């Protein structure tokens, strides 16, 4: 079964928000922080940590 990555991330994110009920500011902070780190000078360092 081939599921696109964006769809799997969307489903996991939706279920995580529905089940864990984090505050909206925490969700926004994590999304914004991830976006900023991915587009910064720290991106190669984070990539090596995740590999």
Protein backbone atom coordinates (compact mmCIF):
# COMPACT_ATOMS: atom_id res chain seq x y z
CA UNK A 1 0.00 0.00 0.00
CA UNK A 2 1.59 3.26 -1.14
CA UNK A 3 0.59 6.19 1.05
CA UNK A 4 2.01 9.63 0.29
CA UNK A 5 4.18 11.04 3.07
CA UNK A 6 2.17 14.26 3.32
CA UNK A 7 -1.02 12.25 3.86
CA UNK A 8 0.55 10.08 6.56
CA UNK A 9 1.89 13.18 8.36
CA UNK A 10 -1.53 14.82 8.11
CA UNK A 11 -3.30 11.80 9.61
CA UNK A 12 -0.76 11.36 12.43
CA UNK A 13 -0.94 15.07 13.23
CA UNK A 14 -4.73 15.06 13.24
CA UNK A 15 -4.92 12.02 15.48
CA UNK A 16 -2.27 13.44 17.81
CA UNK A 17 -4.20 16.67 18.23
CA UNK A 18 -7.48 14.83 18.74
CA UNK A 19 -6.11 12.34 21.27
CA UNK A 20 -3.62 14.44 23.22
CA UNK A 21 -5.49 17.79 23.10
CA UNK A 22 -2.42 20.05 23.34
CA UNK A 23 -3.00 23.79 23.69
CA UNK A 24 -3.22 25.65 20.38
CA UNK A 25 -0.20 27.80 21.20
CA UNK A 26 1.96 24.70 21.63
CA UNK A 27 0.92 23.36 18.22
CA UNK A 28 1.63 26.75 16.63
CA UNK A 29 4.98 27.00 18.42
CA UNK A 30 6.10 23.56 17.24
CA UNK A 31 5.03 24.23 13.65
CA UNK A 32 6.69 27.64 13.55
CA UNK A 33 9.84 26.39 15.28
CA UNK A 34 10.16 23.47 12.89
CA UNK A 35 9.71 25.74 9.90
CA UNK A 36 12.27 28.24 11.16
CA UNK A 37 14.86 25.59 12.01
CA UNK A 38 14.41 23.90 8.63
CA UNK A 39 15.14 27.17 6.83
CA UNK A 40 18.02 28.38 8.96
CA UNK A 41 21.75 27.80 9.23
CA UNK A 42 21.01 25.07 11.78
CA UNK A 43 19.32 22.87 9.18
CA UNK A 44 22.47 20.84 8.29
CA UNK A 45 23.22 20.27 11.99
CA UNK A 46 19.69 19.10 12.68
CA UNK A 47 19.79 16.86 9.60
CA UNK A 48 22.94 15.13 10.82
CA UNK A 49 21.35 14.57 14.25
CA UNK A 50 18.27 12.99 12.67
CA UNK A 51 20.21 10.73 10.30
